[in-house]
């Protein structure tokens, strides 16, 4: 059964805030409010991704984490942003991906509230809504253009090298540098140390793994090669120091996605090939195709059977959760309360509609990337950026089968999604400019009534 103190997220009954964390948050808040918009993303992410999740202020029995305070600060600045049109706040306006994220967040909040019909559950859901919807809108607002995107990837590189160095040090000292702020101490599984860092072993390792493609893109950005090397080194260190199969799988999926670059024009065929293969395996295997999860053990000490049983129970108990989720999933078997699968966690807490919307986030993102790549075909720099974003999303999908997304990892995903919106908008604008140039050239070359070609200025 799920421990009672974790039922609604747990947390301290009094304020837990280290003075250094408090100073860091105050500095970040000042910078968020004072800096120009396109320069705010570095201090926001640096503070957000360097604070352990247990640092909270308790007011009237309600927990306000430092992460929620940072998000609310950005939202306050966004609300005060001049102009009422969404185009001013979000690059290209509110697009299809934005709408899906909003619907997914609201659906999760509504279903959990209806499922429990308890005040504490609603308060917990409001906190989750601040992180999911508020966190996404915050980074969407703070990444309005390519310049901010570049800054985002560079600051993620800095975060990775800091966290990576600290996680590697845990392998030798058996001490977590961030334990003063409530971060967990390193654990030992089957004789191997699993470094924790700020985010925890699984989440920290996956965080580094899914960002690897973005640092490969950074390598191609001329003067950014030092940042790319720093990011790749730190991300790899985070993944391997966590000594978790899910982290290694995320890193492998990221690299695998990059390796498919030569097949970028045959992705439809590849996707259908994967679908046919999975269906074929399901028909010939002794167990269901999702039992392949049980076979994945990259470290020799993974709880792969537990992850298989999570998916299996979710499928078998579809009638229990499809409408409004299901709160008694802990009764399905040993440790079934530990939802270390993002898709299963979304399904059981939010029902079928919320799960469909969550999958639609990835579907919309991949579709936008694919369409944008076709529009800029021939521009290898733009194509490579889009491909790296797609590889990062693919790594997130693979990692989701072995982990549920906590606040730090969710913010990394939201940052990638915001970058997708910016880059696909840039690709559309480039395609429009190319069309306009072609039309102008055709008009300039149109024969005049006397058989001569009229100058462009006369046709206009």
Protein backbone atom coordinates (compact mmCIF):
# COMPACT_ATOMS: atom_id res chain seq x y z
CA UNK A 1 0.00 0.00 0.00
CA UNK A 2 1.00 3.58 -0.55
CA UNK A 3 2.40 5.19 2.61
CA UNK A 4 -0.26 7.46 4.10
CA UNK A 5 2.05 10.48 4.30
CA UNK A 6 2.59 10.35 0.53
CA UNK A 7 -1.07 10.21 -0.43
CA UNK A 8 -1.34 13.89 -1.33
CA UNK A 9 2.31 14.54 -2.04
CA UNK A 10 3.62 14.49 1.52
CA UNK A 11 5.69 17.45 2.64
CA UNK A 12 6.76 19.10 5.86
CA UNK A 13 4.23 20.41 8.37
CA UNK A 14 6.35 23.55 8.92
CA UNK A 15 8.46 25.80 6.73
CA UNK A 16 11.69 24.16 5.57
CA UNK A 17 13.94 26.73 3.93
CA UNK A 18 17.73 26.90 4.10
CA UNK A 19 19.13 30.47 4.26
CA UNK A 20 21.28 29.93 1.15
CA UNK A 21 18.26 28.72 -0.80
CA UNK A 22 16.24 31.71 0.41
CA UNK A 23 18.98 34.12 -0.73
CA UNK A 24 19.19 32.37 -4.09
CA UNK A 25 15.43 32.56 -4.61
CA UNK A 26 15.31 36.25 -3.69
CA UNK A 27 18.11 37.00 -6.16
CA UNK A 28 16.36 35.00 -8.86
CA UNK A 29 13.07 36.81 -8.26
CA UNK A 30 14.79 40.20 -8.52
CA UNK A 31 16.49 39.20 -11.77
CA UNK A 32 13.27 37.80 -13.21
CA UNK A 33 11.52 41.11 -12.59
CA UNK A 34 14.41 43.41 -13.56
CA UNK A 35 16.13 41.87 -16.59
CA UNK A 36 14.93 42.22 -20.18
CA UNK A 37 12.55 39.43 -21.09
CA UNK A 38 14.89 37.50 -23.38
CA UNK A 39 17.60 37.44 -20.68
CA UNK A 40 15.42 36.12 -17.86
CA UNK A 41 15.53 32.44 -18.81
CA UNK A 42 19.11 31.80 -17.48
CA UNK A 43 18.53 32.94 -13.87
CA UNK A 44 15.09 31.33 -13.83
CA UNK A 45 16.30 27.90 -14.93
CA UNK A 46 19.52 28.08 -12.92
CA UNK A 47 17.56 28.71 -9.71
CA UNK A 48 14.70 26.36 -10.56
CA UNK A 49 16.90 23.38 -11.40
CA UNK A 50 19.32 23.85 -8.49
CA UNK A 51 16.82 23.75 -5.63
CA UNK A 52 15.76 20.42 -4.07
CA UNK A 53 12.04 19.75 -4.08
CA UNK A 54 11.71 19.75 -0.27
CA UNK A 55 12.37 23.49 0.21
CA UNK A 56 8.95 24.93 1.09
CA UNK A 57 7.18 27.74 2.87
CA UNK A 58 4.03 26.67 4.75
CA UNK A 59 1.36 29.37 5.09
CA UNK A 60 -1.95 28.46 6.65
CA UNK A 61 -1.31 24.78 6.07
CA UNK A 62 -0.65 25.33 2.36
CA UNK A 63 2.78 24.43 0.94
CA UNK A 64 4.48 26.83 -1.44
CA UNK A 65 7.61 25.29 -2.88
CA UNK A 66 10.42 27.48 -4.13
CA UNK A 67 9.69 26.20 -7.62
CA UNK A 68 6.08 27.40 -7.43
CA UNK A 69 7.24 30.80 -6.19
CA UNK A 70 9.62 31.14 -9.13
CA UNK A 71 6.88 30.14 -11.58
CA UNK A 72 4.39 32.55 -10.04
CA UNK A 73 6.95 35.36 -10.31
CA UNK A 74 7.33 34.75 -14.05
CA UNK A 75 3.54 34.54 -14.48
CA UNK A 76 3.18 37.86 -12.67
CA UNK A 77 5.65 39.45 -15.07
CA UNK A 78 3.82 37.86 -17.99
CA UNK A 79 0.50 39.26 -16.77
CA UNK A 80 2.05 42.73 -16.62
CA UNK A 81 3.55 42.42 -20.09
CA UNK A 82 2.30 45.30 -22.29
CA UNK A 83 -0.36 44.44 -24.85
CA UNK A 84 -3.31 42.14 -24.56
CA UNK A 85 -2.74 40.03 -27.67
CA UNK A 86 -1.28 36.57 -27.08
CA UNK A 87 1.23 37.26 -29.88
CA UNK A 88 3.04 39.63 -27.54
CA UNK A 89 3.43 37.03 -24.82
CA UNK A 90 4.02 33.92 -26.90
CA UNK A 91 6.07 33.72 -30.09
CA UNK A 92 3.65 33.23 -32.97
CA UNK A 93 0.62 33.45 -30.73
CA UNK A 94 -1.14 30.63 -28.92
CA UNK A 95 -0.61 27.60 -31.15
CA UNK A 96 -2.06 24.07 -31.29
CA UNK A 97 0.64 22.65 -29.00
CA UNK A 98 -0.06 25.33 -26.39
CA UNK A 99 -3.75 24.49 -26.42
CA UNK A 100 -3.10 20.78 -25.93
CA UNK A 101 -0.81 21.45 -22.95
CA UNK A 102 -3.45 23.71 -21.39
CA UNK A 103 -6.20 21.12 -21.90
CA UNK A 104 -4.00 18.34 -20.48
CA UNK A 105 -3.16 20.35 -17.35
CA UNK A 106 -6.77 21.40 -16.73
CA UNK A 107 -8.06 17.88 -17.37
CA UNK A 108 -5.63 16.44 -14.82
CA UNK A 109 -6.66 19.04 -12.24
CA UNK A 110 -10.40 18.53 -12.76
CA UNK A 111 -10.27 14.72 -12.74
CA UNK A 112 -8.16 14.48 -9.58
CA UNK A 113 -10.49 16.92 -7.80
CA UNK A 114 -13.56 14.92 -8.84
CA UNK A 115 -11.88 11.62 -8.05
CA UNK A 116 -11.13 12.47 -4.42
CA UNK A 117 -13.62 15.25 -3.59
CA UNK A 118 -11.39 16.28 -0.69
CA UNK A 119 -9.98 19.68 0.17
CA UNK A 120 -6.43 18.38 0.56
CA UNK A 121 -6.59 16.70 -2.84
CA UNK A 122 -7.80 19.91 -4.48
CA UNK A 123 -5.04 21.94 -2.83
CA UNK A 124 -2.45 19.39 -3.99
CA UNK A 125 -3.93 19.50 -7.50
CA UNK A 126 -3.71 23.30 -7.55
CA UNK A 127 -0.03 23.04 -6.68
CA UNK A 128 0.45 20.54 -9.50
CA UNK A 129 -1.42 22.87 -11.86
CA UNK A 130 0.99 25.70 -11.03
CA UNK A 131 3.90 23.42 -11.94
CA UNK A 132 2.37 21.91 -15.10
CA UNK A 133 0.38 24.72 -16.70
CA UNK A 134 2.19 27.58 -14.98
CA UNK A 135 5.62 26.08 -15.64
CA UNK A 136 4.89 25.57 -19.32
CA UNK A 137 3.48 29.08 -19.80
CA UNK A 138 6.47 30.53 -17.93
CA UNK A 139 9.12 29.04 -20.22
CA UNK A 140 6.93 29.65 -23.29
CA UNK A 141 6.89 33.33 -22.33
CA UNK A 142 10.62 33.45 -21.56
CA UNK A 143 11.72 31.82 -24.84
CA UNK A 144 10.31 34.17 -27.49
CA UNK A 145 13.03 33.85 -30.14
CA UNK A 146 16.15 32.05 -31.36
CA UNK A 147 18.42 34.16 -29.15
CA UNK A 148 16.55 33.09 -26.01
CA UNK A 149 16.59 29.50 -27.25
CA UNK A 150 20.38 29.60 -27.51
CA UNK A 151 20.62 31.05 -24.01
CA UNK A 152 18.32 28.30 -22.74
CA UNK A 153 20.48 25.50 -24.10
CA UNK A 154 23.65 27.17 -22.79
CA UNK A 155 22.29 27.52 -19.26
CA UNK A 156 21.12 23.90 -19.37
CA UNK A 157 24.70 22.98 -20.27
CA UNK A 158 25.96 24.88 -17.21
CA UNK A 159 23.39 23.17 -14.99
CA UNK A 160 24.37 19.76 -16.35
CA UNK A 161 28.08 20.24 -15.70
CA UNK A 162 27.44 21.49 -12.15
CA UNK A 163 25.06 18.65 -11.34
CA UNK A 164 27.24 16.13 -13.16
CA UNK A 165 30.33 17.11 -11.18
CA UNK A 166 28.43 16.88 -7.90
CA UNK A 167 26.93 13.48 -8.80
CA UNK A 168 30.33 12.11 -9.79
CA UNK A 169 31.75 13.32 -6.47
CA UNK A 170 29.09 11.24 -4.69
CA UNK A 171 30.63 8.14 -6.24
CA UNK A 172 33.81 8.78 -4.22
CA UNK A 173 32.69 10.67 -1.13
CA UNK A 174 29.29 9.01 -0.62
CA UNK A 175 28.03 12.48 0.30
CA UNK A 176 25.56 14.66 -1.58
CA UNK A 177 26.79 18.25 -1.90
CA UNK A 178 23.17 19.45 -1.78
CA UNK A 179 22.19 17.49 1.33
CA UNK A 180 22.27 20.76 3.32
CA UNK A 181 19.14 21.78 1.40
CA UNK A 182 17.32 18.50 1.91
CA UNK A 183 18.54 16.53 -1.11
CA UNK A 184 18.71 12.76 -0.61
CA UNK A 185 21.93 10.94 0.19
CA UNK A 186 23.31 8.49 -2.39
CA UNK A 187 21.92 4.98 -2.20
CA UNK A 188 23.53 1.62 -2.96
CA UNK A 189 21.85 -1.02 -5.11
CA UNK A 190 23.57 -4.32 -5.85
CA UNK A 191 26.89 -2.86 -4.80
CA UNK A 192 26.66 0.21 -7.06
CA UNK A 193 26.29 3.78 -5.83
CA UNK A 194 23.34 5.67 -7.29
CA UNK A 195 24.15 9.38 -7.12
CA UNK A 196 21.26 11.68 -6.25
CA UNK A 197 22.28 15.28 -6.86
CA UNK A 198 19.51 17.88 -6.56
CA UNK A 199 16.90 15.98 -8.56
CA UNK A 200 17.32 12.40 -7.38
CA UNK A 201 19.11 9.53 -9.10
CA UNK A 202 16.45 8.59 -11.66
CA UNK A 203 15.33 12.12 -12.44
CA UNK A 204 18.82 13.59 -12.55
CA UNK A 205 20.09 10.83 -14.83
CA UNK A 206 17.14 11.16 -17.21
CA UNK A 207 17.49 14.95 -17.15
CA UNK A 208 21.01 14.67 -18.48
CA UNK A 209 20.17 11.91 -20.95
CA UNK A 210 17.28 13.65 -22.71
CA UNK A 211 19.27 16.87 -23.18
CA UNK A 212 22.20 15.24 -25.00
CA UNK A 213 20.80 16.02 -28.50
CA UNK A 214 20.51 19.73 -27.69
CA UNK A 215 24.22 19.88 -26.89
CA UNK A 216 25.04 18.17 -30.18
CA UNK A 217 23.12 20.98 -31.86
CA UNK A 218 25.03 23.53 -29.81
CA UNK A 219 28.28 22.08 -31.20
CA UNK A 220 27.23 23.26 -34.65
CA UNK A 221 26.61 26.81 -33.44
CA UNK A 222 30.12 28.09 -34.10
CA UNK A 223 31.25 29.94 -30.99
CA UNK A 224 29.14 27.71 -28.72
CA UNK A 225 31.39 24.64 -28.92
CA UNK A 226 32.81 25.14 -25.45
CA UNK A 227 29.31 25.21 -23.98
CA UNK A 228 28.45 22.12 -26.05
CA UNK A 229 31.43 20.19 -24.65
CA UNK A 230 30.57 21.27 -21.13
CA UNK A 231 26.94 20.22 -21.58
CA UNK A 232 27.76 16.83 -23.12
CA UNK A 233 30.28 16.07 -20.38
CA UNK A 234 27.89 17.04 -17.60
CA UNK A 235 24.86 15.29 -19.11
CA UNK A 236 26.78 12.06 -19.65
CA UNK A 237 28.14 12.20 -16.11
CA UNK A 238 24.63 12.68 -14.69
CA UNK A 239 23.26 9.73 -16.66
CA UNK A 240 26.00 7.29 -15.72
CA UNK A 241 26.46 8.41 -12.10
CA UNK A 242 22.78 7.72 -11.47
CA UNK A 243 23.46 4.06 -12.37
CA UNK A 244 19.83 3.51 -13.42
CA UNK A 245 18.57 1.66 -16.48
CA UNK A 246 16.02 4.39 -17.23
CA UNK A 247 18.76 7.05 -17.33
CA UNK A 248 20.93 4.94 -19.61
CA UNK A 249 17.93 4.14 -21.78
CA UNK A 250 17.14 7.87 -22.12
CA UNK A 251 20.74 8.59 -23.12
CA UNK A 252 20.74 5.70 -25.59
CA UNK A 253 17.40 6.79 -27.09
CA UNK A 254 18.73 10.33 -27.53
CA UNK A 255 21.81 9.09 -29.37
CA UNK A 256 19.73 6.60 -31.35
CA UNK A 257 17.41 9.38 -32.48
CA UNK A 258 20.37 11.38 -33.72
CA UNK A 259 21.66 8.35 -35.64
CA UNK A 260 18.48 8.27 -37.72
CA UNK A 261 19.39 11.65 -39.23
CA UNK A 262 20.27 10.07 -42.64
CA UNK A 263 16.73 8.57 -42.74
CA UNK A 264 14.94 11.83 -42.00
CA UNK A 265 13.07 11.70 -45.32
CA UNK A 266 11.81 8.14 -44.69
CA UNK A 267 10.34 8.61 -41.20
CA UNK A 268 6.80 7.68 -42.23
CA UNK A 269 8.03 4.30 -43.45
CA UNK A 270 10.09 3.87 -40.28
CA UNK A 271 7.15 4.67 -38.01
CA UNK A 272 4.87 2.19 -39.74
CA UNK A 273 7.66 -0.38 -39.59
CA UNK A 274 7.84 0.01 -35.82
CA UNK A 275 4.05 -0.34 -35.50
CA UNK A 276 3.99 -3.48 -37.65
CA UNK A 277 6.90 -4.96 -35.70
CA UNK A 278 5.21 -4.38 -32.32
CA UNK A 279 1.92 -5.85 -33.55
CA UNK A 280 3.75 -8.86 -34.97
CA UNK A 281 5.62 -9.41 -31.70
CA UNK A 282 2.36 -9.17 -29.75
CA UNK A 283 0.89 -11.93 -31.91
CA UNK A 284 3.81 -14.35 -31.65
CA UNK A 285 5.10 -13.72 -28.11
CA UNK A 286 3.98 -15.85 -25.16
CA UNK A 287 3.20 -12.68 -23.23
CA UNK A 288 1.91 -9.25 -24.26
CA UNK A 289 4.25 -7.01 -26.21
CA UNK A 290 4.64 -4.70 -23.20
CA UNK A 291 6.30 -7.59 -21.36
CA UNK A 292 9.42 -6.54 -23.29
CA UNK A 293 9.79 -3.94 -20.52
CA UNK A 294 10.62 -6.81 -18.18
CA UNK A 295 13.62 -7.71 -20.35
CA UNK A 296 15.26 -4.28 -20.10
CA UNK A 297 17.93 -4.32 -17.41
CA UNK A 298 20.98 -2.30 -18.38
CA UNK A 299 22.54 -2.09 -14.91
CA UNK A 300 21.87 -5.58 -13.54
CA UNK A 301 19.75 -4.29 -10.66
CA UNK A 302 16.71 -2.66 -12.27
CA UNK A 303 13.13 -3.05 -11.04
CA UNK A 304 12.06 -3.90 -14.58
CA UNK A 305 9.49 -6.47 -13.47
CA UNK A 306 7.75 -3.82 -11.38
CA UNK A 307 7.52 -1.52 -14.41
CA UNK A 308 6.12 -4.33 -16.53
CA UNK A 309 3.47 -5.07 -13.89
CA UNK A 310 2.48 -1.40 -13.76
CA UNK A 311 1.67 -1.40 -17.48
CA UNK A 312 0.07 -4.82 -17.33
CA UNK A 313 -2.22 -3.90 -14.43
CA UNK A 314 -3.09 -0.62 -16.10
CA UNK A 315 -4.19 -2.46 -19.25
CA UNK A 316 -6.07 -5.19 -17.38
CA UNK A 317 -7.90 -2.71 -15.13
CA UNK A 318 -8.89 -0.33 -17.93
CA UNK A 319 -12.53 -0.34 -16.79
CA UNK A 320 -11.47 0.96 -13.37
CA UNK A 321 -9.65 4.10 -14.49
CA UNK A 322 -10.82 5.16 -17.96
CA UNK A 323 -13.47 7.65 -16.80
CA UNK A 324 -12.08 9.49 -13.76
CA UNK A 325 -8.88 7.68 -12.97
CA UNK A 326 -8.55 5.27 -10.05
CA UNK A 327 -7.25 6.05 -6.57
CA UNK A 328 -6.95 2.49 -5.21
CA UNK A 329 -4.36 1.23 -7.68
CA UNK A 330 -2.09 0.44 -4.72
CA UNK A 331 -4.30 -2.61 -4.07
CA UNK A 332 -3.36 -4.19 -7.41
CA UNK A 333 -0.17 -5.72 -6.05
CA UNK A 334 3.13 -5.20 -4.29
CA UNK A 335 4.43 -1.62 -4.64
CA UNK A 336 1.84 -0.78 -7.29
CA UNK A 337 1.41 2.59 -5.61
CA UNK A 338 4.85 3.56 -6.97
CA UNK A 339 3.85 4.89 -10.41
CA UNK A 340 7.29 4.96 -12.02
CA UNK A 341 5.81 5.20 -15.51
CA UNK A 342 4.62 8.59 -16.72
CA UNK A 343 1.96 7.21 -19.06
CA UNK A 344 0.52 4.97 -16.34
CA UNK A 345 0.67 7.82 -13.80
CA UNK A 346 -1.26 10.12 -16.15
CA UNK A 347 -3.84 7.41 -16.88
CA UNK A 348 -4.52 6.39 -13.28
CA UNK A 349 -4.66 9.93 -11.91
CA UNK A 350 -6.37 11.62 -14.87
CA UNK A 351 -8.35 9.02 -16.78
CA UNK A 352 -8.45 8.27 -20.50
CA UNK A 353 -9.07 11.86 -21.65
CA UNK A 354 -6.03 13.14 -19.78
CA UNK A 355 -3.89 10.30 -21.15
CA UNK A 356 -4.99 11.04 -24.72
CA UNK A 357 -4.17 14.72 -24.24
CA UNK A 358 -0.76 13.86 -22.82
CA UNK A 359 0.04 11.65 -25.80
CA UNK A 360 -1.27 14.42 -28.07
CA UNK A 361 1.43 16.75 -26.70
CA UNK A 362 4.08 14.49 -28.18
CA UNK A 363 2.03 13.84 -31.31
CA UNK A 364 1.59 17.57 -32.00
CA UNK A 365 5.24 18.24 -31.30
CA UNK A 366 6.54 15.53 -33.63
CA UNK A 367 4.07 16.59 -36.33
CA UNK A 368 5.15 20.24 -36.04
CA UNK A 369 8.82 19.26 -36.22
CA UNK A 370 8.23 17.02 -39.25
CA UNK A 371 6.27 19.66 -41.14
CA UNK A 372 8.83 22.35 -40.30
CA UNK A 373 11.70 20.14 -41.47
CA UNK A 374 10.02 19.75 -44.85
CA UNK A 375 9.55 23.52 -45.11
CA UNK A 376 13.25 24.22 -44.53
CA UNK A 377 14.54 21.21 -46.46
CA UNK A 378 17.93 22.06 -47.88
CA UNK A 379 18.81 24.34 -44.97
CA UNK A 380 20.87 21.78 -43.05
CA UNK A 381 21.40 24.03 -40.03
CA UNK A 382 17.66 24.44 -39.50
CA UNK A 383 17.00 20.78 -40.24
CA UNK A 384 19.62 19.71 -37.72
CA UNK A 385 18.13 21.89 -34.98
CA UNK A 386 14.68 20.43 -35.63
CA UNK A 387 16.11 16.92 -35.66
CA UNK A 388 17.88 17.45 -32.34
CA UNK A 389 14.65 18.71 -30.78
CA UNK A 390 12.85 15.63 -32.11
CA UNK A 391 15.56 13.34 -30.72
CA UNK A 392 15.24 14.97 -27.31
CA UNK A 393 11.47 14.45 -27.37
CA UNK A 394 11.97 10.82 -28.43
CA UNK A 395 14.29 10.31 -25.46
CA UNK A 396 11.60 11.77 -23.19
CA UNK A 397 9.06 9.30 -24.58
CA UNK A 398 11.36 6.35 -23.91
CA UNK A 399 12.23 7.60 -20.44
CA UNK A 400 8.53 7.94 -19.61
CA UNK A 401 8.22 4.15 -19.56
CA UNK A 402 10.51 3.98 -16.53
CA UNK A 403 9.88 7.16 -14.57
CA UNK A 404 7.17 9.60 -13.56
CA UNK A 405 8.03 13.22 -14.25
CA UNK A 406 8.74 15.28 -11.14
CA UNK A 407 9.10 19.06 -11.12
CA UNK A 408 12.70 19.37 -12.41
CA UNK A 409 12.28 16.90 -15.25
CA UNK A 410 8.91 18.38 -16.18
CA UNK A 411 10.51 21.82 -16.52
CA UNK A 412 13.18 20.40 -18.83
CA UNK A 413 10.44 18.90 -21.01
CA UNK A 414 8.51 22.18 -21.05
CA UNK A 415 11.64 24.05 -22.13
CA UNK A 416 12.09 21.65 -25.06
CA UNK A 417 8.42 22.07 -26.03
CA UNK A 418 8.77 25.86 -25.93
CA UNK A 419 11.83 25.59 -28.18
CA UNK A 420 9.77 23.47 -30.60
CA UNK A 421 7.22 26.29 -30.89
CA UNK A 422 9.92 28.90 -31.54
CA UNK A 423 11.82 26.85 -34.13
CA UNK A 424 8.75 25.66 -36.03
CA UNK A 425 7.49 29.25 -36.18
CA UNK A 426 10.87 30.35 -37.53
CA UNK A 427 10.66 27.61 -40.18
CA UNK A 428 7.19 28.74 -41.26
CA UNK A 429 8.34 32.35 -41.51
CA UNK A 430 11.35 31.29 -43.59
CA UNK A 431 9.07 29.31 -45.92
CA UNK A 432 6.78 32.33 -46.36
CA UNK A 433 9.76 34.57 -47.15
CA UNK A 434 10.95 32.07 -49.76
CA UNK A 435 7.50 32.04 -51.37
CA UNK A 436 7.35 35.84 -51.39
CA UNK A 437 10.81 36.02 -52.96
CA UNK A 438 9.79 33.53 -55.62
CA UNK A 439 6.62 35.49 -56.43
CA UNK A 440 8.53 38.78 -56.64
CA UNK A 441 11.13 37.21 -58.91
CA UNK A 442 8.40 35.80 -61.16
CA UNK A 443 6.68 39.17 -61.34
CA UNK A 444 9.94 40.92 -62.10
CA UNK A 445 10.54 38.50 -64.94
CA UNK A 446 7.02 38.81 -66.38
CA UNK A 447 7.01 40.04 -70.04
CA UNK A 448 5.66 43.55 -70.60
CA UNK A 449 3.14 44.46 -73.25
CA UNK A 450 5.91 45.45 -75.65
CA UNK A 451 7.67 42.12 -75.24
CA UNK A 452 10.29 43.54 -72.88
CA UNK A 453 10.63 42.66 -69.19
CA UNK A 454 9.32 45.29 -66.79
CA UNK A 455 11.42 46.30 -63.80
CA UNK A 456 10.17 45.08 -60.41
CA UNK A 457 9.58 48.63 -59.18
CA UNK A 458 7.18 49.32 -62.09
CA UNK A 459 5.13 46.21 -61.47
CA UNK A 460 4.71 47.15 -57.82
